[in-house]
Protein backbone atom coordinates (compact mmCIF):
# COMPACT_ATOMS: atom_id res chain seq x y z
CA UNK A 1 -0.75 -0.81 -33.35
CA UNK A 2 -3.47 1.51 -32.17
CA UNK A 3 -3.32 4.07 -29.39
CA UNK A 4 -5.75 3.48 -26.55
CA UNK A 5 -6.73 5.83 -23.75
CA UNK A 6 -7.53 4.39 -20.35
CA UNK A 7 -9.01 5.49 -17.05
CA UNK A 8 -9.26 3.59 -13.82
CA UNK A 9 -9.93 3.73 -10.11
CA UNK A 10 -6.64 3.38 -8.26
CA UNK A 11 -6.29 2.28 -4.65
CA UNK A 12 -2.93 2.93 -2.99
CA UNK A 13 -1.91 1.62 0.42
CA UNK A 14 1.07 3.23 2.13
CA UNK A 15 2.06 3.02 5.76
CA UNK A 16 -1.26 1.42 6.60
CA UNK A 17 -3.22 4.28 5.05
CA UNK A 18 -5.52 3.55 2.12
CA UNK A 19 -6.18 6.22 -0.51
CA UNK A 20 -8.56 5.98 -3.44
CA UNK A 21 -8.20 8.07 -6.57
CA UNK A 22 -8.42 7.90 -10.31
CA UNK A 23 -5.89 7.73 -13.08
CA UNK A 24 -5.76 8.23 -16.83
CA UNK A 25 -3.21 7.48 -19.49
CA UNK A 26 -2.47 6.12 -22.92
CA UNK A 27 -0.97 2.86 -24.21
CA UNK A 28 -0.21 1.36 -27.61
CA UNK A 29 -1.61 -2.09 -28.27
CA UNK A 30 -3.05 -4.23 -31.04
CA UNK A 31 -6.25 -5.24 -29.24
CA UNK A 32 -8.51 -3.93 -26.48
CA UNK A 33 -7.55 -6.87 -24.24
CA UNK A 34 -3.84 -6.13 -24.66
CA UNK A 35 -4.46 -2.43 -23.95
CA UNK A 36 -6.37 -3.36 -20.78
CA UNK A 37 -3.51 -5.56 -19.54
CA UNK A 38 -0.88 -2.89 -20.33
CA UNK A 39 -2.86 -0.19 -18.54
CA UNK A 40 -3.21 -2.36 -15.42
CA UNK A 41 0.53 -3.13 -15.45
CA UNK A 42 1.35 0.57 -15.88
CA UNK A 43 -0.74 1.53 -12.87
CA UNK A 44 0.56 -1.20 -10.60
CA UNK A 45 4.19 -0.68 -11.64
CA UNK A 46 4.18 3.04 -10.78
CA UNK A 47 4.00 2.45 -7.05
CA UNK A 48 4.20 -0.37 -4.58
CA UNK A 49 0.87 -0.94 -2.94
CA UNK A 50 -1.12 0.29 -5.95
CA UNK A 51 -4.04 -1.72 -7.25
CA UNK A 52 -6.12 -0.89 -10.32
CA UNK A 53 -9.88 -1.37 -10.34
CA UNK A 54 -12.44 -0.75 -13.06
CA UNK A 55 -9.86 -0.23 -15.81
CA UNK A 56 -11.60 1.05 -18.93
CA UNK A 57 -9.92 1.40 -22.32
CA UNK A 58 -11.19 3.12 -25.45
CA UNK A 59 -9.71 3.98 -28.83
CA UNK A 60 -8.15 7.37 -29.15
């Protein structure tokens, strides 16, 4: 498995307020597609109301 870095635009909605920011991280995956899916799941799992947009992955 390879290590992949990712960055994304993250939109979070809490108490009716919408905030836009960015996030970065790292995942281990065999393919770019798998890394993309893991990064999206990581972002959306970290907080209710979070949505990931423009997720980009690249080899470390």
